[in-house]
Amino acid sequence: MNPWMIVAIAGLMETGWALGLKYSDGFTRLVPSAVTIVLALGSFYLLSVAMKSLPVGTAYAVWVGIGAVGTAIAAVFLFNEPVNLMRVVGVLLILAGIAALKFA
């Protein structure tokens, strides 16, 4: 599998575990806590696999960016977080940074 695809899957899993932290209620709810831990471990593992053939800094930044953007977007729908101009610009800047690193 393409290492960038692995980073993308790891980034989506990062989004999942970040959202899982909210649902786990401080790791006091068993099922959301277990899902969060599994997603975190899977995300770290896939990132480490991708880093065998990708530059560390770029792979890590793309992984974090996917997780941050995915979490910010999902939080709007799942937790009714506000959407305003600064948040949209921030997400667009993260996406621009990911694209710049990917093609650098």
C-alpha atoms as a PDB file:
ATOM      1  CA  MET A   1       0.000   0.000   0.000  1.00  0.00           C
ATOM      2  CA  ASN A   2       1.131   3.540  -0.764  1.00  0.00           C
ATOM      3  CA  PRO A   3       2.748   5.069   2.357  1.00  0.00           C
ATOM      4  CA  TRP A   4       0.764   8.300   1.910  1.00  0.00           C
ATOM      5  CA  MET A   5      -2.450   6.264   1.960  1.00  0.00           C
ATOM      6  CA  ILE A   6      -1.249   4.685   5.209  1.00  0.00           C
ATOM      7  CA  VAL A   7      -0.644   8.167   6.665  1.00  0.00           C
ATOM      8  CA  ALA A   8      -4.150   9.204   5.560  1.00  0.00           C
ATOM      9  CA  ILE A   9      -5.721   6.194   7.293  1.00  0.00           C
ATOM     10  CA  ALA A  10      -3.610   6.860  10.393  1.00  0.00           C
ATOM     11  CA  GLY A  11      -4.784  10.494  10.325  1.00  0.00           C
ATOM     12  CA  LEU A  12      -8.427   9.437  10.137  1.00  0.00           C
ATOM     13  CA  MET A  13      -7.826   7.097  13.055  1.00  0.00           C
ATOM     14  CA  GLU A  14      -6.300  10.041  14.922  1.00  0.00           C
ATOM     15  CA  THR A  15      -9.506  11.964  14.316  1.00  0.00           C
ATOM     16  CA  GLY A  16     -11.404   8.994  15.744  1.00  0.00           C
ATOM     17  CA  TRP A  17      -9.363   8.757  18.912  1.00  0.00           C
ATOM     18  CA  ALA A  18      -9.445  12.517  19.462  1.00  0.00           C
ATOM     19  CA  LEU A  19     -13.246  12.423  19.276  1.00  0.00           C
ATOM     20  CA  GLY A  20     -13.209   9.304  21.432  1.00  0.00           C
ATOM     21  CA  LEU A  21     -11.527  11.271  24.201  1.00  0.00           C
ATOM     22  CA  LYS A  22     -14.653  13.404  24.427  1.00  0.00           C
ATOM     23  CA  TYR A  23     -16.969  10.378  24.426  1.00  0.00           C
ATOM     24  CA  SER A  24     -14.854   8.513  26.990  1.00  0.00           C
ATOM     25  CA  ASP A  25     -15.670  11.191  29.576  1.00  0.00           C
ATOM     26  CA  GLY A  26     -12.172  11.205  31.047  1.00  0.00           C
ATOM     27  CA  PHE A  27     -11.781   7.435  30.536  1.00  0.00           C
ATOM     28  CA  THR A  28     -14.719   6.765  32.861  1.00  0.00           C
ATOM     29  CA  ARG A  29     -16.851   5.053  30.184  1.00  0.00           C
ATOM     30  CA  LEU A  30     -15.544   1.605  29.253  1.00  0.00           C
ATOM     31  CA  VAL A  31     -16.546   1.147  25.605  1.00  0.00           C
ATOM     32  CA  PRO A  32     -15.626   4.644  24.352  1.00  0.00           C
ATOM     33  CA  SER A  33     -12.368   4.409  26.330  1.00  0.00           C
ATOM     34  CA  ALA A  34     -11.487   1.043  24.777  1.00  0.00           C
ATOM     35  CA  VAL A  35     -12.303   2.279  21.263  1.00  0.00           C
ATOM     36  CA  THR A  36     -10.198   5.397  21.857  1.00  0.00           C
ATOM     37  CA  ILE A  37      -7.201   3.352  22.989  1.00  0.00           C
ATOM     38  CA  VAL A  38      -7.482   0.925  20.050  1.00  0.00           C
ATOM     39  CA  LEU A  39      -7.724   3.789  17.549  1.00  0.00           C
ATOM     40  CA  ALA A  40      -4.757   5.588  19.132  1.00  0.00           C
ATOM     41  CA  LEU A  41      -2.565   2.495  19.052  1.00  0.00           C
ATOM     42  CA  GLY A  42      -3.619   1.701  15.476  1.00  0.00           C
ATOM     43  CA  SER A  43      -2.942   5.261  14.385  1.00  0.00           C
ATOM     44  CA  PHE A  44       0.527   5.276  15.963  1.00  0.00           C
ATOM     45  CA  TYR A  45       1.325   1.895  14.439  1.00  0.00           C
ATOM     46  CA  LEU A  46       0.275   2.908  10.921  1.00  0.00           C
ATOM     47  CA  LEU A  47       2.210   6.172  11.184  1.00  0.00           C
ATOM     48  CA  SER A  48       5.314   4.228  12.202  1.00  0.00           C
ATOM     49  CA  VAL A  49       4.883   1.882   9.230  1.00  0.00           C
ATOM     50  CA  ALA A  50       4.545   4.820   6.832  1.00  0.00           C
ATOM     51  CA  MET A  51       7.635   6.496   8.298  1.00  0.00           C
ATOM     52  CA  LYS A  52       9.780   3.575   7.137  1.00  0.00           C
ATOM     53  CA  SER A  53       9.725   5.130   3.678  1.00  0.00           C
ATOM     54  CA  LEU A  54       8.636   8.746   4.238  1.00  0.00           C
ATOM     55  CA  PRO A  55      10.409  11.745   5.750  1.00  0.00           C
ATOM     56  CA  VAL A  56       9.591  11.878   9.459  1.00  0.00           C
ATOM     57  CA  GLY A  57       8.786  15.582   9.635  1.00  0.00           C
ATOM     58  CA  THR A  58       6.509  15.557   6.624  1.00  0.00           C
ATOM     59  CA  ALA A  59       4.695  12.344   7.551  1.00  0.00           C
ATOM     60  CA  TYR A  60       4.125  13.533  11.118  1.00  0.00           C
ATOM     61  CA  ALA A  61       2.898  16.973  10.033  1.00  0.00           C
ATOM     62  CA  VAL A  62       0.473  15.477   7.510  1.00  0.00           C
ATOM     63  CA  TRP A  63      -0.791  12.993  10.125  1.00  0.00           C
ATOM     64  CA  VAL A  64      -1.349  15.740  12.693  1.00  0.00           C
ATOM     65  CA  GLY A  65      -2.968  17.978  10.083  1.00  0.00           C
ATOM     66  CA  ILE A  66      -5.440  15.314   8.990  1.00  0.00           C
ATOM     67  CA  GLY A  67      -6.291  14.644  12.621  1.00  0.00           C
ATOM     68  CA  ALA A  68      -6.703  18.328  13.456  1.00  0.00           C
ATOM     69  CA  VAL A  69      -8.827  19.159  10.423  1.00  0.00           C
ATOM     70  CA  GLY A  70     -10.922  16.013  10.764  1.00  0.00           C
ATOM     71  CA  THR A  71     -11.509  16.637  14.459  1.00  0.00           C
ATOM     72  CA  ALA A  72     -12.412  20.298  13.930  1.00  0.00           C
ATOM     73  CA  ILE A  73     -14.909  19.454  11.193  1.00  0.00           C
ATOM     74  CA  ALA A  74     -16.441  16.499  13.014  1.00  0.00           C
ATOM     75  CA  ALA A  75     -16.804  18.531  16.227  1.00  0.00           C
ATOM     76  CA  VAL A  76     -19.026  21.012  14.399  1.00  0.00           C
ATOM     77  CA  PHE A  77     -21.465  18.223  13.537  1.00  0.00           C
ATOM     78  CA  LEU A  78     -21.127  16.015  16.611  1.00  0.00           C
ATOM     79  CA  PHE A  79     -20.789  18.596  19.384  1.00  0.00           C
ATOM     80  CA  ASN A  80     -22.372  21.693  17.794  1.00  0.00           C
ATOM     81  CA  GLU A  81     -19.124  23.636  17.995  1.00  0.00           C
ATOM     82  CA  PRO A  82     -19.402  27.061  16.364  1.00  0.00           C
ATOM     83  CA  VAL A  83     -18.372  27.831  12.803  1.00  0.00           C
ATOM     84  CA  ASN A  84     -16.929  31.281  12.242  1.00  0.00           C
ATOM     85  CA  LEU A  85     -14.568  32.945   9.823  1.00  0.00           C
ATOM     86  CA  MET A  86     -11.437  32.495  11.941  1.00  0.00           C
ATOM     87  CA  ARG A  87     -12.068  28.761  12.429  1.00  0.00           C
ATOM     88  CA  VAL A  88     -12.663  28.253   8.696  1.00  0.00           C
ATOM     89  CA  VAL A  89      -9.510  30.219   7.836  1.00  0.00           C
ATOM     90  CA  GLY A  90      -7.555  28.200  10.391  1.00  0.00           C
ATOM     91  CA  VAL A  91      -8.689  24.899   8.862  1.00  0.00           C
ATOM     92  CA  LEU A  92      -7.884  26.173   5.364  1.00  0.00           C
ATOM     93  CA  LEU A  93      -4.405  27.195   6.506  1.00  0.00           C
ATOM     94  CA  ILE A  94      -3.813  23.733   7.966  1.00  0.00           C
ATOM     95  CA  LEU A  95      -4.928  22.178   4.668  1.00  0.00           C
ATOM     96  CA  ALA A  96      -2.619  24.524   2.741  1.00  0.00           C
ATOM     97  CA  GLY A  97       0.262  23.521   5.031  1.00  0.00           C
ATOM     98  CA  ILE A  98      -0.443  19.818   4.494  1.00  0.00           C
ATOM     99  CA  ALA A  99      -0.496  20.301   0.736  1.00  0.00           C
ATOM    100  CA  ALA A 100       2.729  22.326   0.787  1.00  0.00           C
ATOM    101  CA  LEU A 101       4.536  19.679   2.846  1.00  0.00           C
ATOM    102  CA  LYS A 102       3.222  16.845   0.706  1.00  0.00           C
ATOM    103  CA  PHE A 103       4.474  18.436  -2.504  1.00  0.00           C
ATOM    104  CA  ALA A 104       7.701  19.933  -1.129  1.00  0.00           C
END
